[in-house]
Amino acid sequence: MSRVLATEAEVLALSPDAASSKAAKGLQSISKWPTTGSNEAAVWGECQGSGSKPYQTQVDLSGPAFKCSCPSRKFPCKHGLALMLLRAAGQVPEAAEPPEWVNAWLGGRQEKAEKKEAKAAAIAAAPPPDPEVLAKQQAKRDDKRWDKVSAGMQELSLWMQDMVRTGLANQAGDAQACQHWYTMAARMVDAQATGMAARIKEAWELVDSHPNWARDLLVQLGHWQLLVEAVERRDSLPAEVKADVMAALGWSMDKVEVQAQGHAVTDRWRVAGMRMIEREGRLLERRVWLQGLQSGRMALMLDYAQGGRGFETAWVQGASYRGTVHFYPGQAALRALAGSDLQRLESGVEASLTSAMLGDSLLQLSQRIAANPVQFAQPLWCAQAGLNYVDGQWFASWPQPQEAGQDHSLAPVPVVVSDDQAWRLLALSGGAPVALFGEWEAGPQIGRWRLLSAWLPAEQGGVVDALSPLIPIWQNRGEML
């Protein structure tokens, strides 16, 4: 049997949330699967649902990539997870030839990959176009788009000024406020600033969400005004700063452009955390954070899947990969693309991640924010943090630098985590300090920390220290926003 997703832990690491894991285990009975089969390339099966026709579930092990005929919006769905759990338990038989519906899907994926390779080869073999002509064509397209973006951002600025003038608190009492916000988000899409559209929709969720929501909203408006002014001054911005502004606005780049203009880093990478967000129109956004073990760099692999189609590749929480990632151009760049040589290391040979490798995480965070204040998400580690519940809010106990003559102190940092996930983490850790990873979100005073994973140092020779390998013990499966 192929070693891809060969254990229950590896399969469940792909689950989008705890509900999917629970539902998959409920289907982990071969009696619910009239047909199953597998070979070195794929795993397939039919699961009997509530309808007369069973759901056809299939997994391409080269990705791995999942497909299922069920209507679920989650990826992988419970059927795909259950099928792989059955395989990990040795309950899926080996078959020489997959059924036609599996061959058709695998053939389509292979054809798509071959066309992609052929297109890349044709581009590489074609005579180079006149760079001067290309530059003029690109400049003309960019100027036209900048005009649209600039007009949209000016409209956004006026809308923000109106809100501040009438008082942010009035947004909670305005029956038509939601429509106004979504209308402005649609206007940003028309202005080809889709990144701003997403920010506007997320910020609307703050309105009347807690007692100090107006304060938090004002922080968001300040960030948006920074982008408004950056667009106005775009011609005077350094190239890397301009690239950061374009990324924040949702200005996509072609893979070839990223590889040509960005910075390539070859390293051993550990999946530090993952987050799945459901956008409008059945669009799934997946954020995968990689920790470089030699370079110390953090890389954000950002993918999208539309309409239940599924992602092209699967990442496993805590797994190790070796190869090259190509960072997007910009200052303190985080977003990156996986190189063709990036391969997952087999279980048992994972590259060790230790507390000593994390460095001064607060210093790194402050440097990244100073270099790129418009970055929408920032990764943050704490090598030794506890979790506490005070007055309806979860806090991480962050170690403070110890000064001469003073006892070691802990600073409370607000965290974003559901109650059930927090209690599960406390149960797994026994309440002891652990290494925590998550996304830092800017806010008033100190902001807040959205927890994504927890790691426990393993004993080596009966000793636990900064050089002890960190073992993942918890992944936040409670989020599907």
Protein backbone atom coordinates (compact mmCIF):
# COMPACT_ATOMS: atom_id res chain seq x y z
CA MET A 1 0.00 0.00 0.00
CA SER A 2 1.19 3.51 -0.78
CA ARG A 3 2.42 5.35 2.33
CA VAL A 4 0.39 8.47 1.44
CA LEU A 5 -2.11 9.07 4.29
CA ALA A 6 -1.38 5.63 5.69
CA THR A 7 -2.34 6.40 9.31
CA GLU A 8 -5.49 7.67 11.02
CA ALA A 9 -3.63 10.71 12.40
CA GLU A 10 -2.50 11.76 8.91
CA VAL A 11 -6.02 11.41 7.52
CA LEU A 12 -7.68 13.37 10.33
CA ALA A 13 -5.04 16.09 9.97
CA LEU A 14 -6.75 16.96 6.66
CA SER A 15 -10.16 17.38 8.28
CA PRO A 16 -11.51 20.95 8.01
CA ASP A 17 -13.11 20.83 11.47
CA ALA A 18 -14.08 18.63 14.41
CA ALA A 19 -17.58 18.04 13.03
CA SER A 20 -16.16 16.55 9.83
CA SER A 21 -13.86 14.25 11.82
CA LYS A 22 -16.77 13.04 13.95
CA ALA A 23 -18.99 12.51 10.91
CA ALA A 24 -16.22 10.63 9.09
CA LYS A 25 -15.73 8.26 12.02
CA GLY A 26 -19.48 7.63 11.94
CA LEU A 27 -19.05 6.37 8.38
CA GLN A 28 -16.02 4.25 9.24
CA SER A 29 -17.86 0.98 8.74
CA ILE A 30 -17.30 -1.12 5.66
CA SER A 31 -20.98 -2.11 5.72
CA LYS A 32 -21.86 1.45 4.65
CA TRP A 33 -19.66 1.13 1.56
CA PRO A 34 -21.08 -1.25 -1.08
CA THR A 35 -17.88 -1.03 -3.11
CA THR A 36 -14.33 0.06 -2.29
CA GLY A 37 -10.95 -0.41 -3.88
CA SER A 38 -7.45 1.01 -4.12
CA ASN A 39 -4.15 0.79 -5.94
CA GLU A 40 -0.90 2.72 -5.89
CA ALA A 41 -2.52 5.67 -7.67
CA ALA A 42 -5.95 6.08 -6.11
CA VAL A 43 -8.56 5.00 -3.56
CA TRP A 44 -12.26 4.84 -4.40
CA GLY A 45 -15.57 3.76 -2.98
CA GLU A 46 -19.34 4.21 -3.03
CA CYS A 47 -21.01 5.26 0.22
CA GLN A 48 -24.72 4.69 0.70
CA GLY A 49 -26.39 7.92 1.77
CA SER A 50 -30.03 8.87 2.27
CA GLY A 51 -30.75 8.79 -1.47
CA SER A 52 -31.14 5.83 -3.78
CA LYS A 53 -27.81 6.42 -5.50
CA PRO A 54 -24.64 6.07 -3.41
CA TYR A 55 -22.08 8.86 -3.30
CA GLN A 56 -19.03 8.23 -5.46
CA THR A 57 -15.89 9.11 -3.52
CA GLN A 58 -12.37 9.05 -4.90
CA VAL A 59 -8.88 10.12 -3.85
CA ASP A 60 -5.89 10.73 -6.12
CA LEU A 61 -2.89 9.78 -3.97
CA SER A 62 -0.48 11.85 -6.04
CA GLY A 63 -1.97 15.04 -4.52
CA PRO A 64 -3.57 13.83 -2.51
CA ALA A 65 -6.72 15.25 -4.10
CA PHE A 66 -10.33 14.41 -3.20
CA LYS A 67 -13.56 14.29 -5.16
CA CYS A 68 -17.03 13.24 -4.06
CA SER A 69 -20.49 13.45 -5.63
CA CYS A 70 -22.04 14.60 -2.35
CA PRO A 71 -23.19 18.27 -2.01
CA SER A 72 -20.90 19.09 0.93
CA ARG A 73 -19.04 22.40 0.84
CA LYS A 74 -16.27 21.11 3.05
CA PHE A 75 -12.99 19.80 1.74
CA PRO A 76 -12.29 17.00 2.19
CA CYS A 77 -15.86 15.95 2.88
CA LYS A 78 -16.77 13.34 5.49
CA HIS A 79 -16.99 10.62 2.81
CA GLY A 80 -13.45 11.26 1.59
CA LEU A 81 -12.12 11.21 5.14
CA ALA A 82 -14.06 8.04 6.02
CA LEU A 83 -12.77 6.25 2.92
CA MET A 84 -9.18 7.08 3.82
CA LEU A 85 -9.78 6.03 7.45
CA LEU A 86 -11.01 2.67 6.19
CA ARG A 87 -7.89 2.36 4.03
CA ALA A 88 -5.62 3.27 6.95
CA ALA A 89 -7.33 0.52 8.97
CA GLY A 90 -6.64 -2.02 6.21
CA GLN A 91 -10.32 -2.42 5.23
CA VAL A 92 -10.04 -1.26 1.61
CA PRO A 93 -8.97 -4.10 -0.71
CA GLU A 94 -6.34 -3.76 -3.43
CA ALA A 95 -7.82 -3.81 -6.93
CA ALA A 96 -6.03 -4.08 -10.24
CA GLU A 97 -8.26 -1.71 -12.19
CA PRO A 98 -10.43 1.19 -10.94
CA PRO A 99 -14.01 1.58 -12.22
CA GLU A 100 -14.70 3.83 -15.20
CA TRP A 101 -15.83 6.84 -13.13
CA VAL A 102 -12.51 6.80 -11.28
CA ASN A 103 -10.48 6.38 -14.48
CA ALA A 104 -12.34 9.29 -16.06
CA TRP A 105 -11.47 11.58 -13.16
CA LEU A 106 -7.85 10.45 -12.98
CA GLY A 107 -7.57 10.78 -16.75
CA GLY A 108 -8.95 14.30 -16.61
CA ARG A 109 -6.47 15.29 -13.93
CA GLN A 110 -3.63 13.75 -15.90
CA GLU A 111 -4.75 15.50 -19.09
CA LYS A 112 -4.95 18.81 -17.28
CA ALA A 113 -1.45 18.34 -15.87
CA GLU A 114 -0.08 17.39 -19.29
CA LYS A 115 -1.69 20.42 -20.94
CA LYS A 116 -0.20 22.62 -18.25
CA GLU A 117 3.25 21.13 -18.82
CA ALA A 118 2.87 21.40 -22.60
CA LYS A 119 1.85 25.03 -22.31
CA ALA A 120 4.85 25.78 -20.11
CA ALA A 121 7.14 23.96 -22.56
CA ALA A 122 5.66 25.84 -25.51
CA ILE A 123 6.19 29.16 -23.77
CA ALA A 124 9.76 28.20 -22.95
CA ALA A 125 10.45 27.06 -26.55
CA ALA A 126 8.79 30.03 -28.24
CA PRO A 127 10.99 32.89 -29.42
CA PRO A 128 11.12 35.60 -26.78
CA PRO A 129 8.67 38.43 -27.45
CA ASP A 130 9.88 41.96 -27.79
CA PRO A 131 10.32 43.06 -24.14
CA GLU A 132 9.67 46.68 -25.04
CA VAL A 133 6.32 45.84 -26.63
CA LEU A 134 5.36 43.64 -23.68
CA ALA A 135 6.30 46.35 -21.21
CA LYS A 136 4.15 48.91 -23.01
CA GLN A 137 1.17 46.55 -23.14
CA GLN A 138 1.49 45.70 -19.45
CA ALA A 139 1.90 49.36 -18.49
CA LYS A 140 -1.25 50.24 -20.41
CA ARG A 141 -3.23 47.49 -18.62
CA ASP A 142 -1.83 48.53 -15.24
CA ASP A 143 -2.67 52.20 -15.78
CA LYS A 144 -6.24 51.32 -16.67
CA ARG A 145 -6.61 49.18 -13.56
CA TRP A 146 -4.99 51.77 -11.29
CA ASP A 147 -7.55 54.32 -12.51
CA LYS A 148 -10.37 51.99 -11.45
CA VAL A 149 -8.74 51.18 -8.11
CA SER A 150 -8.04 54.83 -7.34
CA ALA A 151 -11.65 55.86 -8.04
CA GLY A 152 -12.93 53.03 -5.85
CA MET A 153 -10.58 53.88 -2.97
CA GLN A 154 -11.61 57.54 -3.06
CA GLU A 155 -15.22 56.46 -2.79
CA LEU A 156 -14.27 54.23 0.14
CA SER A 157 -12.52 57.14 1.85
CA LEU A 158 -15.63 59.36 1.57
CA TRP A 159 -17.80 56.54 2.93
CA MET A 160 -15.48 56.11 5.93
CA GLN A 161 -15.52 59.86 6.60
CA ASP A 162 -19.33 59.82 6.61
CA MET A 163 -19.35 56.97 9.13
CA VAL A 164 -16.91 58.72 11.46
CA ARG A 165 -18.77 62.03 11.19
CA THR A 166 -22.13 60.48 12.10
CA GLY A 167 -20.60 58.21 14.75
CA LEU A 168 -19.62 54.57 14.41
CA ALA A 169 -22.03 53.55 17.15
CA ASN A 170 -24.94 54.50 14.88
CA GLN A 171 -24.02 51.61 12.57
CA ALA A 172 -25.55 49.20 15.09
CA GLY A 173 -28.88 51.01 15.06
CA ASP A 174 -29.13 51.48 11.29
CA ALA A 175 -31.48 48.90 9.77
CA GLN A 176 -29.96 49.45 6.32
CA ALA A 177 -26.32 49.47 7.44
CA CYS A 178 -25.63 45.89 6.35
CA GLN A 179 -26.84 46.65 2.83
CA HIS A 180 -24.61 49.75 2.69
CA TRP A 181 -21.56 47.70 3.71
CA TYR A 182 -22.19 44.98 1.15
CA THR A 183 -22.86 47.59 -1.52
CA MET A 184 -19.46 49.13 -0.79
CA ALA A 185 -17.85 45.69 -0.93
CA ALA A 186 -19.44 45.15 -4.35
CA ARG A 187 -18.11 48.53 -5.43
CA MET A 188 -14.60 47.39 -4.49
CA VAL A 189 -15.04 44.31 -6.70
CA ASP A 190 -16.08 46.58 -9.58
CA ALA A 191 -12.98 48.69 -8.88
CA GLN A 192 -10.80 45.54 -9.12
CA ALA A 193 -9.83 45.77 -5.45
CA THR A 194 -11.17 42.40 -4.30
CA GLY A 195 -8.87 42.38 -1.29
CA MET A 196 -10.66 45.44 0.06
CA ALA A 197 -14.04 43.80 -0.60
CA ALA A 198 -13.08 40.89 1.67
CA ARG A 199 -11.84 43.26 4.38
CA ILE A 200 -15.10 45.23 4.31
CA LYS A 201 -17.22 42.10 4.71
CA GLU A 202 -15.08 40.84 7.58
CA ALA A 203 -15.18 44.23 9.32
CA TRP A 204 -18.99 44.32 9.15
CA GLU A 205 -19.01 41.27 11.44
CA LEU A 206 -17.51 43.52 14.15
CA VAL A 207 -20.57 45.78 14.29
CA ASP A 208 -22.40 45.23 17.58
CA SER A 209 -20.43 42.00 18.17
CA HIS A 210 -19.12 42.96 21.65
CA PRO A 211 -19.13 46.00 23.97
CA ASN A 212 -15.99 47.59 22.47
CA TRP A 213 -16.76 46.85 18.82
CA ALA A 214 -16.65 50.54 17.74
CA ARG A 215 -13.07 50.81 19.00
CA ASP A 216 -12.04 47.73 17.03
CA LEU A 217 -13.81 48.98 13.91
CA LEU A 218 -11.99 52.30 14.12
CA VAL A 219 -8.68 50.42 13.99
CA GLN A 220 -9.82 48.74 10.76
CA LEU A 221 -10.78 52.08 9.23
CA GLY A 222 -7.32 53.40 10.06
CA HIS A 223 -5.74 50.52 8.13
CA TRP A 224 -7.99 51.19 5.16
CA GLN A 225 -7.10 54.88 5.14
CA LEU A 226 -3.45 53.87 5.02
CA LEU A 227 -4.20 51.95 1.82
CA VAL A 228 -6.17 54.90 0.43
CA GLU A 229 -3.18 57.18 0.87
CA ALA A 230 -0.79 54.54 -0.51
CA VAL A 231 -2.85 54.30 -3.70
CA GLU A 232 -2.76 58.09 -4.06
CA ARG A 233 1.05 58.07 -3.72
CA ARG A 234 1.66 54.89 -5.73
CA ASP A 235 4.00 56.52 -8.25
CA SER A 236 6.41 57.60 -5.50
CA LEU A 237 6.42 54.27 -3.61
CA PRO A 238 9.45 51.95 -3.77
CA ALA A 239 8.83 48.85 -5.90
CA GLU A 240 8.56 46.47 -2.90
CA VAL A 241 6.16 48.74 -1.01
CA LYS A 242 4.02 49.09 -4.12
CA ALA A 243 3.96 45.30 -4.45
CA ASP A 244 2.70 45.05 -0.84
CA VAL A 245 -0.07 47.55 -1.56
CA MET A 246 -1.09 45.66 -4.70
CA ALA A 247 -1.24 42.40 -2.75
CA ALA A 248 -3.40 44.00 -0.04
CA LEU A 249 -5.79 45.25 -2.72
CA GLY A 250 -6.12 41.74 -4.14
CA TRP A 251 -3.93 42.30 -7.21
CA SER A 252 -3.10 38.76 -8.29
CA MET A 253 0.17 37.74 -9.90
CA ASP A 254 0.91 35.02 -12.39
CA LYS A 255 3.01 32.12 -11.15
CA VAL A 256 5.72 32.95 -13.68
CA GLU A 257 5.82 36.54 -12.42
CA VAL A 258 6.22 35.36 -8.83
CA GLN A 259 9.06 33.04 -9.76
CA ALA A 260 10.76 35.79 -11.78
CA GLN A 261 10.33 38.70 -9.35
CA GLY A 262 10.15 36.99 -5.95
CA HIS A 263 12.73 35.35 -3.74
CA ALA A 264 13.22 31.56 -3.80
CA VAL A 265 14.10 29.79 -0.54
CA THR A 266 15.07 26.12 -0.39
CA ASP A 267 14.62 24.62 3.06
CA ARG A 268 12.95 21.97 5.16
CA TRP A 269 9.46 23.21 6.01
CA ARG A 270 7.10 22.20 8.80
CA VAL A 271 3.36 22.87 8.58
CA ALA A 272 2.80 25.12 11.60
CA GLY A 273 -0.92 25.70 11.23
CA MET A 274 -3.86 25.81 8.83
CA ARG A 275 -7.03 27.85 8.59
CA MET A 276 -10.08 27.40 6.35
CA ILE A 277 -12.51 30.25 5.59
CA GLU A 278 -15.73 29.98 3.61
CA ARG A 279 -16.31 33.01 1.41
CA GLU A 280 -19.33 34.03 -0.62
CA GLY A 281 -20.42 31.86 -3.53
CA ARG A 282 -19.13 28.55 -2.07
CA LEU A 283 -15.55 29.79 -2.29
CA LEU A 284 -13.19 28.17 0.20
CA GLU A 285 -10.01 29.98 1.21
CA ARG A 286 -7.25 27.86 2.75
CA ARG A 287 -4.25 29.33 4.57
CA VAL A 288 -1.32 27.02 5.25
CA TRP A 289 1.57 28.37 7.31
CA LEU A 290 5.02 26.80 6.84
CA GLN A 291 7.96 27.26 9.20
CA GLY A 292 11.39 27.14 7.58
CA LEU A 293 13.69 25.13 9.84
CA GLN A 294 17.00 26.47 8.51
CA SER A 295 16.06 29.87 7.10
CA GLY A 296 13.67 30.73 9.95
CA ARG A 297 11.27 32.14 7.32
CA MET A 298 7.51 31.80 7.59
CA ALA A 299 5.65 31.10 4.34
CA LEU A 300 1.92 31.44 3.66
CA MET A 301 0.49 29.09 1.04
CA LEU A 302 -2.85 30.62 0.05
CA ASP A 303 -5.24 28.48 -2.02
CA TYR A 304 -8.86 28.69 -3.13
CA ALA A 305 -11.45 26.06 -4.09
CA GLN A 306 -14.75 26.92 -5.77
CA GLY A 307 -18.09 25.17 -5.55
CA GLY A 308 -16.94 22.04 -3.75
CA ARG A 309 -14.41 21.29 -6.48
CA GLY A 310 -11.63 20.82 -3.95
CA PHE A 311 -8.02 21.96 -3.73
CA GLU A 312 -5.36 20.68 -6.09
CA THR A 313 -3.03 19.69 -3.23
CA ALA A 314 -3.42 18.57 0.36
CA TRP A 315 -1.32 19.68 3.31
CA VAL A 316 -0.97 17.71 6.53
CA GLN A 317 -0.80 19.54 9.86
CA GLY A 318 2.61 19.06 11.50
CA ALA A 319 4.08 17.24 8.48
CA SER A 320 7.51 18.06 7.02
CA TYR A 321 8.32 19.02 3.46
CA ARG A 322 11.60 19.58 1.66
CA GLY A 323 12.14 21.82 -1.34
CA THR A 324 11.77 25.36 -2.64
CA VAL A 325 9.07 27.97 -2.09
CA HIS A 326 8.89 31.15 -4.16
CA PHE A 327 7.91 34.25 -2.18
CA TYR A 328 5.81 36.99 -3.73
CA PRO A 329 7.69 40.27 -4.19
CA GLY A 330 7.38 42.75 -1.33
CA GLN A 331 8.87 43.76 1.99
CA ALA A 332 8.84 41.06 4.68
CA ALA A 333 7.01 38.85 2.19
CA LEU A 334 4.93 35.99 3.60
CA ARG A 335 2.80 34.66 0.76
CA ALA A 336 4.58 32.07 -1.37
CA LEU A 337 4.10 29.41 -4.03
CA ALA A 338 5.32 25.83 -3.75
CA GLY A 339 8.13 24.93 -6.13
CA SER A 340 7.96 21.84 -8.31
CA ASP A 341 10.57 20.14 -6.11
CA LEU A 342 8.65 20.52 -2.83
CA GLN A 343 8.00 17.00 -1.53
CA ARG A 344 6.62 15.67 1.72
CA LEU A 345 9.05 13.72 3.91
CA GLU A 346 7.88 10.28 4.98
CA SER A 347 6.66 9.65 8.53
CA GLY A 348 9.53 8.94 10.86
CA VAL A 349 11.99 11.19 9.06
CA GLU A 350 10.33 14.54 9.80
CA ALA A 351 12.65 17.48 10.22
CA SER A 352 12.72 18.43 13.90
CA LEU A 353 11.25 21.75 14.98
CA THR A 354 12.53 23.06 18.31
CA SER A 355 11.80 26.07 20.50
CA ALA A 356 15.32 27.36 19.83
CA MET A 357 14.48 27.64 16.10
CA LEU A 358 11.57 30.01 16.77
CA GLY A 359 13.84 32.87 17.85
CA ASP A 360 12.47 36.12 19.25
CA SER A 361 8.94 35.89 17.86
CA LEU A 362 7.82 39.33 19.09
CA LEU A 363 10.83 41.01 17.51
CA GLN A 364 10.15 39.19 14.24
CA LEU A 365 6.49 40.24 14.37
CA SER A 366 7.33 43.90 15.00
CA GLN A 367 9.87 43.89 12.14
CA ARG A 368 7.37 42.40 9.69
CA ILE A 369 4.63 44.87 10.68
CA ALA A 370 7.04 47.81 10.39
CA ALA A 371 8.14 46.62 6.95
CA ASN A 372 4.62 45.84 5.70
CA PRO A 373 1.79 47.35 7.79
CA VAL A 374 -0.85 46.42 5.19
CA GLN A 375 -0.25 42.64 5.47
CA PHE A 376 -3.65 41.09 6.28
CA ALA A 377 -2.37 38.33 8.57
CA GLN A 378 0.78 37.82 10.61
CA PRO A 379 2.09 34.50 11.97
CA LEU A 380 3.09 34.37 15.62
CA TRP A 381 4.73 31.73 17.80
CA CYS A 382 5.15 31.58 21.56
CA ALA A 383 7.52 28.84 22.71
CA GLN A 384 5.93 28.50 26.16
CA ALA A 385 2.45 29.81 26.82
CA GLY A 386 -0.46 28.80 29.04
CA LEU A 387 -4.19 29.19 28.44
CA ASN A 388 -6.57 30.83 30.91
CA TYR A 389 -10.26 31.74 31.01
CA VAL A 390 -11.13 35.06 32.68
CA ASP A 391 -14.50 36.82 32.67
CA GLY A 392 -15.77 35.16 29.51
CA GLN A 393 -12.53 35.64 27.53
CA TRP A 394 -9.65 33.27 26.79
CA PHE A 395 -6.14 34.56 27.32
CA ALA A 396 -2.68 33.20 26.64
CA SER A 397 -0.15 33.70 29.41
CA TRP A 398 2.82 35.18 27.55
CA PRO A 399 6.21 35.03 29.33
CA GLN A 400 7.66 38.47 30.04
CA PRO A 401 11.43 39.21 29.97
CA GLN A 402 12.85 38.69 33.43
CA GLU A 403 14.53 41.78 34.86
CA ALA A 404 17.07 41.88 37.65
CA GLY A 405 15.48 41.60 41.06
CA GLN A 406 12.04 40.73 39.68
CA ASP A 407 10.14 37.46 39.54
CA HIS A 408 9.26 35.90 36.21
CA SER A 409 5.95 37.42 35.09
CA LEU A 410 3.28 36.51 32.55
CA ALA A 411 1.31 38.93 30.37
CA PRO A 412 -2.30 38.08 29.41
CA VAL A 413 -2.83 38.16 25.64
CA PRO A 414 -6.42 37.90 24.25
CA VAL A 415 -6.84 34.86 22.01
CA VAL A 416 -9.51 33.81 19.51
CA VAL A 417 -10.54 30.21 20.08
CA SER A 418 -13.90 28.50 20.63
CA ASP A 419 -14.70 27.20 24.11
CA ASP A 420 -14.78 23.56 23.08
CA GLN A 421 -11.44 23.79 21.28
CA ALA A 422 -9.84 25.63 24.22
CA TRP A 423 -10.99 23.02 26.73
CA ARG A 424 -9.77 20.28 24.42
CA LEU A 425 -6.34 21.93 24.26
CA LEU A 426 -6.22 22.21 28.04
CA ALA A 427 -7.11 18.52 28.36
CA LEU A 428 -4.41 17.48 25.89
CA SER A 429 -1.74 19.62 27.54
CA GLY A 430 -2.79 18.93 31.11
CA GLY A 431 -2.75 22.68 31.67
CA ALA A 432 1.04 22.80 31.23
CA PRO A 433 2.66 25.52 29.09
CA VAL A 434 2.98 24.56 25.42
CA ALA A 435 4.28 26.12 22.21
CA LEU A 436 1.37 27.92 20.54
CA PHE A 437 1.06 29.12 16.95
CA GLY A 438 -1.57 31.34 15.37
CA GLU A 439 -2.39 34.43 13.34
CA TRP A 440 -1.91 37.80 14.97
CA GLU A 441 -4.68 40.29 14.28
CA ALA A 442 -4.03 43.98 14.80
CA GLY A 443 -6.36 45.78 17.16
CA PRO A 444 -6.55 48.40 19.90
CA GLN A 445 -4.00 48.19 22.68
CA ILE A 446 -2.27 44.90 21.85
CA GLY A 447 -4.60 43.13 19.38
CA ARG A 448 -5.56 39.47 19.58
CA TRP A 449 -4.13 36.08 18.66
CA ARG A 450 -6.13 33.51 16.64
CA LEU A 451 -4.82 30.12 17.80
CA LEU A 452 -4.24 27.47 15.12
CA SER A 453 -2.01 24.80 16.68
CA ALA A 454 -0.21 23.70 19.85
CA TRP A 455 3.05 21.79 20.23
CA LEU A 456 4.60 19.94 23.17
CA PRO A 457 8.36 19.41 23.58
CA ALA A 458 9.39 15.75 23.63
CA GLU A 459 11.78 14.37 26.22
CA GLN A 460 15.28 13.47 25.08
CA GLY A 461 17.20 11.43 27.61
CA GLY A 462 14.76 12.50 30.30
CA VAL A 463 15.44 16.19 29.61
CA VAL A 464 13.11 18.79 28.09
CA ASP A 465 14.74 22.01 26.90
CA ALA A 466 14.85 24.47 23.98
CA LEU A 467 16.50 21.82 21.79
CA SER A 468 13.80 19.20 22.37
CA PRO A 469 11.74 18.40 19.23
CA LEU A 470 8.27 19.95 19.24
CA ILE A 471 5.45 17.47 18.63
CA PRO A 472 2.03 18.76 17.39
CA ILE A 473 -0.69 17.85 19.89
CA TRP A 474 -3.59 20.07 18.82
CA GLN A 475 -4.96 21.70 15.69
CA ASN A 476 -7.86 24.13 15.77
CA ARG A 477 -10.58 22.20 13.97
CA GLY A 478 -13.42 24.39 15.19
CA GLU A 479 -13.12 27.05 12.50
CA MET A 480 -14.99 27.29 9.24
CA LEU A 481 -15.76 30.99 9.07
